[in-house]
């Protein structure tokens, strides 16, 4: 088994000609790249050689349905269920607002990249060392300032749109009391305060201070995780 000084990466993509720029760039940077073209082949490779891989890159448009993200998202979920610690990067070249991907990938602690142009691939290459230790959402339309989208730890809110929505309201209205926020957002009286305390507890030592200022600071560093999430009424009523 050949391993570079940097490490080995598993890429699961059935279109090697399309991503040759990325493959060549990663090899040029010193990575050993193992390419598998089907979900089954990729999973089997990881099953046998997990300890040798620094991370996994997965194209979202995997078979059986090439015009959807279902194949790639299901594979990401399967990998995360089996291996809690391996860094995962999911990517696509489709210039869209990837609602389904953005809703599901944070739950599997998988980063997302939009490779609509080569800039996305260059961002991945130049920040891969950070990416393998944290989390990153990259889309050229909305995420171009890297420090604002890096999160060095897994998401304590576990992809909850309702908790994030409350956090967003608190952070974007720093001068308003919880009572006023409840009135503006049409929440039941007494909802925001206990929910804010629950969020603080979940964030734990990721907060610099257990306060509204601490929540706002964390929100600014992590908002790209939930950029496209809109909680449903059921999610708001059942935030856990």
Protein backbone atom coordinates (compact mmCIF):
# COMPACT_ATOMS: atom_id res chain seq x y z
CA UNK A 1 0.00 0.00 0.00
CA UNK A 2 1.47 3.34 -1.10
CA UNK A 3 1.04 6.33 1.20
CA UNK A 4 2.37 9.86 0.69
CA UNK A 5 3.89 12.02 3.41
CA UNK A 6 0.56 13.86 3.70
CA UNK A 7 -1.80 10.86 3.64
CA UNK A 8 -4.35 8.96 1.60
CA UNK A 9 -7.73 10.18 0.37
CA UNK A 10 -10.61 8.06 -0.88
CA UNK A 11 -12.64 9.69 -3.68
CA UNK A 12 -15.92 8.09 -4.72
CA UNK A 13 -16.92 9.47 -8.12
CA UNK A 14 -17.93 7.72 -11.34
CA UNK A 15 -16.68 10.57 -13.59
CA UNK A 16 -12.88 10.63 -13.32
CA UNK A 17 -12.55 12.65 -16.53
CA UNK A 18 -14.71 15.43 -15.12
CA UNK A 19 -12.74 15.78 -11.88
CA UNK A 20 -9.26 15.25 -13.37
CA UNK A 21 -8.32 18.80 -12.34
CA UNK A 22 -9.04 17.98 -8.70
CA UNK A 23 -7.36 14.56 -8.87
CA UNK A 24 -4.21 15.96 -10.48
CA UNK A 25 -4.11 18.85 -8.02
CA UNK A 26 -4.39 16.66 -4.95
CA UNK A 27 -1.63 14.39 -6.24
CA UNK A 28 0.50 17.43 -6.99
CA UNK A 29 -0.04 18.59 -3.40
CA UNK A 30 1.33 15.27 -2.16
CA UNK A 31 -1.80 13.25 -1.44
CA UNK A 32 -2.18 9.61 -2.39
CA UNK A 33 -5.60 9.39 -4.06
CA UNK A 34 -7.66 6.20 -4.31
CA UNK A 35 -10.57 6.53 -6.75
CA UNK A 36 -13.63 4.28 -6.66
CA UNK A 37 -16.51 4.72 -9.07
CA UNK A 38 -19.50 3.17 -7.27
CA UNK A 39 -20.91 3.45 -3.75
CA UNK A 40 -20.37 -0.26 -3.12
CA UNK A 41 -16.73 -0.16 -4.24
CA UNK A 42 -16.06 2.93 -2.16
CA UNK A 43 -17.68 1.52 0.95
CA UNK A 44 -15.82 -1.78 0.57
CA UNK A 45 -12.50 0.05 0.22
CA UNK A 46 -13.20 2.04 3.36
CA UNK A 47 -14.33 -1.06 5.21
CA UNK A 48 -11.02 -2.80 4.51
CA UNK A 49 -8.60 0.12 4.80
CA UNK A 50 -10.33 2.70 7.06
CA UNK A 51 -7.28 3.36 9.21
CA UNK A 52 -5.19 4.33 6.18
CA UNK A 53 -7.47 7.14 4.94
CA UNK A 54 -7.30 10.73 6.16
CA UNK A 55 -10.69 11.52 4.62
CA UNK A 56 -13.37 10.66 2.05
CA UNK A 57 -14.66 12.77 -0.85
CA UNK A 58 -18.06 11.81 -2.28
CA UNK A 59 -19.82 13.19 -5.37
CA UNK A 60 -23.50 13.66 -4.59
CA UNK A 61 -24.79 12.55 -8.01
CA UNK A 62 -23.92 8.89 -7.56
CA UNK A 63 -25.99 6.06 -9.07
CA UNK A 64 -28.65 4.83 -9.16
CA UNK A 65 -30.31 8.20 -9.84
CA UNK A 66 -27.88 10.53 -11.56
CA UNK A 67 -30.17 13.56 -11.59
CA UNK A 68 -30.58 13.69 -7.81
CA UNK A 69 -28.39 13.81 -4.72
CA UNK A 70 -30.00 10.71 -3.21
CA UNK A 71 -27.17 8.27 -4.00
CA UNK A 72 -24.45 10.49 -2.59
CA UNK A 73 -26.39 11.55 0.50
CA UNK A 74 -27.29 7.96 1.33
CA UNK A 75 -23.65 6.95 1.04
CA UNK A 76 -22.56 9.82 3.31
CA UNK A 77 -25.13 8.73 5.90
CA UNK A 78 -23.92 5.12 5.67
CA UNK A 79 -20.26 6.08 6.08
CA UNK A 80 -20.98 8.31 9.07
CA UNK A 81 -23.09 5.63 10.74
CA UNK A 82 -20.19 3.17 10.46
CA UNK A 83 -17.30 5.55 11.23
CA UNK A 84 -17.98 8.47 13.56
CA UNK A 85 -14.55 10.04 13.19
CA UNK A 86 -13.63 10.08 9.50
CA UNK A 87 -13.84 13.48 7.72
CA UNK A 88 -16.29 13.49 4.79
CA UNK A 89 -16.55 15.99 1.96
CA UNK A 90 -19.59 15.90 -0.36
CA UNK A 91 -19.51 17.86 -3.58
CA UNK A 92 -21.36 18.64 -6.80
CA UNK A 93 -20.89 20.73 -9.93
CA UNK A 94 -24.54 21.70 -10.11
CA UNK A 95 -24.94 25.43 -9.58
CA UNK A 96 -28.08 25.28 -7.46
CA UNK A 97 -29.21 26.11 -3.97
CA UNK A 98 -28.75 22.61 -2.54
CA UNK A 99 -31.56 22.58 0.01
CA UNK A 100 -31.62 18.83 0.55
CA UNK A 101 -27.85 18.58 0.82
CA UNK A 102 -27.58 21.47 3.27
CA UNK A 103 -30.31 20.01 5.47
CA UNK A 104 -28.82 16.52 5.64
CA UNK A 105 -25.05 16.92 5.47
CA UNK A 106 -24.57 18.78 8.78
CA UNK A 107 -26.31 15.91 10.54
CA UNK A 108 -23.59 13.59 9.24
CA UNK A 109 -20.89 16.22 9.94
CA UNK A 110 -20.03 16.23 6.26
CA UNK A 111 -18.66 19.30 4.50
CA UNK A 112 -20.20 20.55 1.27
CA UNK A 113 -18.53 22.02 -1.81
CA UNK A 114 -20.03 23.41 -4.98
CA UNK A 115 -17.53 22.84 -7.80
CA UNK A 116 -19.38 24.93 -10.36
CA UNK A 117 -16.01 26.35 -11.36
CA UNK A 118 -12.40 25.53 -10.52
CA UNK A 119 -12.37 28.03 -7.66
CA UNK A 120 -14.20 25.54 -5.48
CA UNK A 121 -11.62 22.86 -6.19
CA UNK A 122 -8.81 25.30 -5.40
CA UNK A 123 -10.46 26.24 -2.10
CA UNK A 124 -10.70 22.57 -1.21
CA UNK A 125 -7.07 21.92 -2.08
CA UNK A 126 -5.66 24.91 -0.24
CA UNK A 127 -7.65 24.28 2.94
CA UNK A 128 -7.78 20.51 3.07
CA UNK A 129 -5.62 20.33 6.18
CA UNK A 130 -8.18 22.46 8.05
CA UNK A 131 -11.10 20.70 6.43
CA UNK A 132 -9.98 17.30 7.71
CA UNK A 133 -10.17 18.69 11.26
CA UNK A 134 -13.43 20.60 10.99
CA UNK A 135 -16.43 21.45 8.85
CA UNK A 136 -16.87 23.67 5.80
CA UNK A 137 -19.69 24.77 3.54
CA UNK A 138 -18.52 26.28 0.26
CA UNK A 139 -20.73 27.72 -2.44
CA UNK A 140 -19.38 30.52 -4.69
CA UNK A 141 -22.64 32.44 -4.44
CA UNK A 142 -22.79 32.66 -0.67
CA UNK A 143 -19.57 31.49 0.97
CA UNK A 144 -16.37 33.12 -0.19
CA UNK A 145 -14.76 34.23 3.08
CA UNK A 146 -13.29 31.06 4.48
CA UNK A 147 -12.92 32.03 8.18
CA UNK A 148 -16.66 32.62 8.36
CA UNK A 149 -17.56 29.08 7.36
CA UNK A 150 -14.99 26.97 9.17
CA UNK A 151 -16.16 25.25 12.34
CA UNK A 152 -13.47 23.24 14.08
CA UNK A 153 -15.85 21.00 16.03
CA UNK A 154 -18.92 18.91 15.16
CA UNK A 155 -22.29 20.65 15.30
CA UNK A 156 -23.67 20.51 18.88
CA UNK A 157 -27.15 21.42 17.62
CA UNK A 158 -27.13 18.30 15.42
CA UNK A 159 -28.79 19.93 12.45
CA UNK A 160 -31.84 21.22 14.33
CA UNK A 161 -33.49 24.00 12.25
CA UNK A 162 -35.73 25.04 15.15
CA UNK A 163 -32.89 25.58 17.62
CA UNK A 164 -30.92 27.38 14.95
CA UNK A 165 -33.88 29.65 14.17
CA UNK A 166 -34.14 30.74 17.80
CA UNK A 167 -30.38 31.30 17.91
CA UNK A 168 -30.64 33.40 14.74
CA UNK A 169 -33.43 35.54 16.19
CA UNK A 170 -31.49 36.14 19.41
CA UNK A 171 -28.27 37.00 17.56
CA UNK A 172 -29.86 39.31 14.99
CA UNK A 173 -31.88 41.23 17.60
CA UNK A 174 -29.34 41.91 20.36
CA UNK A 175 -31.21 44.92 21.75
CA UNK A 176 -34.59 43.18 22.00
CA UNK A 177 -35.76 41.37 25.10
CA UNK A 178 -36.78 37.74 24.81
CA UNK A 179 -40.38 38.85 25.31
CA UNK A 180 -40.18 41.26 22.37
CA UNK A 181 -38.56 38.62 20.15
CA UNK A 182 -41.36 36.21 21.04
CA UNK A 183 -43.94 38.82 20.09
CA UNK A 184 -42.29 39.68 16.75
CA UNK A 185 -41.77 36.03 15.81
CA UNK A 186 -45.22 35.01 17.12
CA UNK A 187 -43.88 32.52 19.63
CA UNK A 188 -45.80 31.55 22.74
CA UNK A 189 -44.81 33.61 25.80
CA UNK A 190 -41.96 32.07 27.73
CA UNK A 191 -40.57 30.09 24.76
CA UNK A 192 -37.34 31.93 23.91
CA UNK A 193 -35.70 32.01 27.34
CA UNK A 194 -35.79 28.26 28.07
CA UNK A 195 -34.85 27.48 24.47
CA UNK A 196 -31.85 29.84 24.70
CA UNK A 197 -30.74 28.07 27.88
CA UNK A 198 -31.09 24.71 26.14
CA UNK A 199 -28.95 25.98 23.26
CA UNK A 200 -26.27 27.23 25.68
CA UNK A 201 -26.19 23.84 27.35
CA UNK A 202 -25.79 22.05 24.02
CA UNK A 203 -23.01 24.40 22.88
CA UNK A 204 -21.15 23.91 26.15
CA UNK A 205 -17.46 24.81 25.98
CA UNK A 206 -17.83 26.08 22.40
CA UNK A 207 -19.25 29.26 23.96
CA UNK A 208 -16.73 31.84 25.13
CA UNK A 209 -19.32 33.01 27.68
CA UNK A 210 -22.70 31.59 28.65
CA UNK A 211 -24.59 34.69 27.59
CA UNK A 212 -26.37 36.31 24.66
CA UNK A 213 -23.03 37.75 23.55
CA UNK A 214 -21.56 34.25 23.57
CA UNK A 215 -24.47 32.96 21.49
CA UNK A 216 -24.07 35.78 18.98
CA UNK A 217 -20.35 35.09 18.63
CA UNK A 218 -20.95 31.39 17.99
CA UNK A 219 -23.72 32.23 15.51
CA UNK A 220 -21.39 34.44 13.46
CA UNK A 221 -18.81 31.67 13.21
CA UNK A 222 -21.28 28.94 12.30
CA UNK A 223 -24.16 30.52 10.39
CA UNK A 224 -23.22 28.89 7.08
CA UNK A 225 -24.14 25.50 8.53
CA UNK A 226 -27.80 26.47 8.46
CA UNK A 227 -27.89 29.08 5.70
CA UNK A 228 -30.81 27.50 3.81
CA UNK A 229 -32.67 25.85 6.68
CA UNK A 230 -36.21 26.93 7.41
CA UNK A 231 -37.87 25.09 10.30
CA UNK A 232 -41.31 23.66 9.75
CA UNK A 233 -44.12 24.30 12.30
CA UNK A 234 -43.64 20.75 13.64
CA UNK A 235 -39.92 21.35 14.13
CA UNK A 236 -40.59 24.58 16.00
CA UNK A 237 -43.03 22.79 18.28
CA UNK A 238 -40.61 19.92 18.86
CA UNK A 239 -37.11 21.46 18.88
CA UNK A 240 -35.40 18.31 20.16
